[in-house]
Amino acid sequence: MSESMDQVSNDRVEKYLDITRRARAKATPIHAEGTPESEQLMIMLRMADDYAFDAQHFLNIGDRVRAFGAINYAHAWIDAGVKLGLLDGHGDDVLFTLP
């Protein structure tokens, strides 16, 4: 049975949780620790991690809509880090919107 495009399934949320985990693991900082850019990046990655944590929490309590929203926010923070030149996406145009 195919998934309805107007509903958020557990599988869909799990898919995006996995994509975001892979993006978080793959992207590496470009600037040296202690630089203003690395400090900005740490804020962005903390936001990504917090949203990913929230997404998992919402999924665990059965709130798939908020889980889906939160994991997309998490991925957007990581993607923004790549786009702004704070993270290296290693040429992966599937996980990231490359500059």
C-alpha atoms as a PDB file:
ATOM      1  CA  MET A   1       0.000   0.000   0.000  1.00  0.00           C
ATOM      2  CA  SER A   2       1.416   3.403  -0.897  1.00  0.00           C
ATOM      3  CA  GLU A   3       1.673   6.151   1.660  1.00  0.00           C
ATOM      4  CA  SER A   4      -0.773   9.025   1.408  1.00  0.00           C
ATOM      5  CA  MET A   5       0.895  12.307   0.520  1.00  0.00           C
ATOM      6  CA  ASP A   6      -1.261  14.238   2.991  1.00  0.00           C
ATOM      7  CA  GLN A   7      -0.288  12.267   6.096  1.00  0.00           C
ATOM      8  CA  VAL A   8       2.904  11.908   8.068  1.00  0.00           C
ATOM      9  CA  SER A   9       3.730   8.284   8.785  1.00  0.00           C
ATOM     10  CA  ASN A  10       6.245   6.917  11.267  1.00  0.00           C
ATOM     11  CA  ASP A  11       8.265   5.664   8.288  1.00  0.00           C
ATOM     12  CA  ARG A  12       8.427   9.137   6.773  1.00  0.00           C
ATOM     13  CA  VAL A  13       9.618  10.690  10.040  1.00  0.00           C
ATOM     14  CA  GLU A  14      12.159   7.882  10.522  1.00  0.00           C
ATOM     15  CA  LYS A  15      13.439   8.479   6.979  1.00  0.00           C
ATOM     16  CA  TYR A  16      14.077  12.145   7.712  1.00  0.00           C
ATOM     17  CA  LEU A  17      15.578  11.384  11.115  1.00  0.00           C
ATOM     18  CA  ASP A  18      18.047   9.114   9.309  1.00  0.00           C
ATOM     19  CA  ILE A  19      18.830  11.684   6.608  1.00  0.00           C
ATOM     20  CA  THR A  20      19.493  14.313   9.259  1.00  0.00           C
ATOM     21  CA  ARG A  21      21.691  11.949  11.297  1.00  0.00           C
ATOM     22  CA  ARG A  22      23.734  11.214   8.168  1.00  0.00           C
ATOM     23  CA  ALA A  23      24.026  14.920   7.345  1.00  0.00           C
ATOM     24  CA  ARG A  24      25.119  15.744  10.909  1.00  0.00           C
ATOM     25  CA  ALA A  25      27.767  13.014  10.793  1.00  0.00           C
ATOM     26  CA  LYS A  26      29.071  13.949   7.351  1.00  0.00           C
ATOM     27  CA  ALA A  27      29.339  17.727   7.638  1.00  0.00           C
ATOM     28  CA  THR A  28      32.598  18.882   9.174  1.00  0.00           C
ATOM     29  CA  PRO A  29      33.607  22.300  10.505  1.00  0.00           C
ATOM     30  CA  ILE A  30      35.648  24.443   8.142  1.00  0.00           C
ATOM     31  CA  HIS A  31      36.971  27.052  10.577  1.00  0.00           C
ATOM     32  CA  ALA A  32      39.412  26.451  13.415  1.00  0.00           C
ATOM     33  CA  GLU A  33      38.068  26.040  16.921  1.00  0.00           C
ATOM     34  CA  GLY A  34      37.919  29.318  18.825  1.00  0.00           C
ATOM     35  CA  THR A  35      37.263  31.499  15.783  1.00  0.00           C
ATOM     36  CA  PRO A  36      34.116  33.634  15.611  1.00  0.00           C
ATOM     37  CA  GLU A  37      32.863  31.386  12.785  1.00  0.00           C
ATOM     38  CA  SER A  38      33.319  28.242  14.860  1.00  0.00           C
ATOM     39  CA  GLU A  39      31.429  29.876  17.718  1.00  0.00           C
ATOM     40  CA  GLN A  40      28.549  30.680  15.351  1.00  0.00           C
ATOM     41  CA  LEU A  41      28.641  27.129  14.051  1.00  0.00           C
ATOM     42  CA  MET A  42      28.428  25.678  17.570  1.00  0.00           C
ATOM     43  CA  ILE A  43      25.218  27.655  18.110  1.00  0.00           C
ATOM     44  CA  MET A  44      23.789  26.362  14.840  1.00  0.00           C
ATOM     45  CA  LEU A  45      24.723  22.761  15.579  1.00  0.00           C
ATOM     46  CA  ARG A  46      23.244  23.003  19.064  1.00  0.00           C
ATOM     47  CA  MET A  47      19.985  24.167  17.491  1.00  0.00           C
ATOM     48  CA  ALA A  48      20.137  21.234  15.028  1.00  0.00           C
ATOM     49  CA  ASP A  49      20.771  18.768  17.840  1.00  0.00           C
ATOM     50  CA  ASP A  50      17.994  20.215  19.990  1.00  0.00           C
ATOM     51  CA  TYR A  51      15.470  20.040  17.142  1.00  0.00           C
ATOM     52  CA  ALA A  52      16.543  16.466  16.305  1.00  0.00           C
ATOM     53  CA  PHE A  53      16.093  15.499  19.965  1.00  0.00           C
ATOM     54  CA  ASP A  54      12.657  17.135  19.965  1.00  0.00           C
ATOM     55  CA  ALA A  55      11.721  15.300  16.770  1.00  0.00           C
ATOM     56  CA  GLN A  56      12.556  11.954  18.338  1.00  0.00           C
ATOM     57  CA  HIS A  57      10.593  12.895  21.466  1.00  0.00           C
ATOM     58  CA  PHE A  58       7.534  13.892  19.437  1.00  0.00           C
ATOM     59  CA  LEU A  59       7.743  10.654  17.442  1.00  0.00           C
ATOM     60  CA  ASN A  60       7.992   8.644  20.666  1.00  0.00           C
ATOM     61  CA  ILE A  61       4.775  10.183  22.001  1.00  0.00           C
ATOM     62  CA  GLY A  62       2.974   9.709  18.683  1.00  0.00           C
ATOM     63  CA  ASP A  63       2.960  13.332  17.522  1.00  0.00           C
ATOM     64  CA  ARG A  64       4.203  12.697  13.994  1.00  0.00           C
ATOM     65  CA  VAL A  65       3.294  16.150  12.681  1.00  0.00           C
ATOM     66  CA  ARG A  66       5.459  17.982  15.205  1.00  0.00           C
ATOM     67  CA  ALA A  67       8.173  15.325  14.816  1.00  0.00           C
ATOM     68  CA  PHE A  68       8.254  15.921  11.062  1.00  0.00           C
ATOM     69  CA  GLY A  69       8.396  19.681  11.534  1.00  0.00           C
ATOM     70  CA  ALA A  70      11.165  19.462  14.121  1.00  0.00           C
ATOM     71  CA  ILE A  71      13.388  17.156  12.075  1.00  0.00           C
ATOM     72  CA  ASN A  72      13.074  19.432   9.084  1.00  0.00           C
ATOM     73  CA  TYR A  73      14.148  22.382  11.241  1.00  0.00           C
ATOM     74  CA  ALA A  74      17.107  20.308  12.479  1.00  0.00           C
ATOM     75  CA  HIS A  75      18.217  19.524   8.966  1.00  0.00           C
ATOM     76  CA  ALA A  76      17.763  23.142   7.907  1.00  0.00           C
ATOM     77  CA  TRP A  77      20.240  24.296  10.588  1.00  0.00           C
ATOM     78  CA  ILE A  78      22.843  21.830   9.290  1.00  0.00           C
ATOM     79  CA  ASP A  79      22.134  22.726   5.688  1.00  0.00           C
ATOM     80  CA  ALA A  80      22.473  26.427   6.527  1.00  0.00           C
ATOM     81  CA  GLY A  81      25.884  25.750   8.050  1.00  0.00           C
ATOM     82  CA  VAL A  82      27.001  24.216   4.751  1.00  0.00           C
ATOM     83  CA  LYS A  83      25.428  26.976   2.679  1.00  0.00           C
ATOM     84  CA  LEU A  84      27.072  29.699   4.787  1.00  0.00           C
ATOM     85  CA  GLY A  85      30.501  28.082   4.540  1.00  0.00           C
ATOM     86  CA  LEU A  86      30.732  27.062   8.186  1.00  0.00           C
ATOM     87  CA  LEU A  87      30.506  23.327   7.418  1.00  0.00           C
ATOM     88  CA  ASP A  88      31.992  21.276   4.622  1.00  0.00           C
ATOM     89  CA  GLY A  89      29.326  19.125   2.966  1.00  0.00           C
ATOM     90  CA  HIS A  90      32.002  17.187   1.076  1.00  0.00           C
ATOM     91  CA  GLY A  91      30.259  17.688  -2.260  1.00  0.00           C
ATOM     92  CA  ASP A  92      27.144  15.766  -1.187  1.00  0.00           C
ATOM     93  CA  ASP A  93      24.298  17.417  -3.058  1.00  0.00           C
ATOM     94  CA  VAL A  94      21.813  14.842  -1.770  1.00  0.00           C
ATOM     95  CA  LEU A  95      22.213  15.691   1.921  1.00  0.00           C
ATOM     96  CA  PHE A  96      22.961  19.402   1.463  1.00  0.00           C
ATOM     97  CA  THR A  97      22.144  22.441  -0.634  1.00  0.00           C
ATOM     98  CA  LEU A  98      25.668  23.168  -1.759  1.00  0.00           C
ATOM     99  CA  PRO A  99      26.962  26.710  -2.256  1.00  0.00           C
END
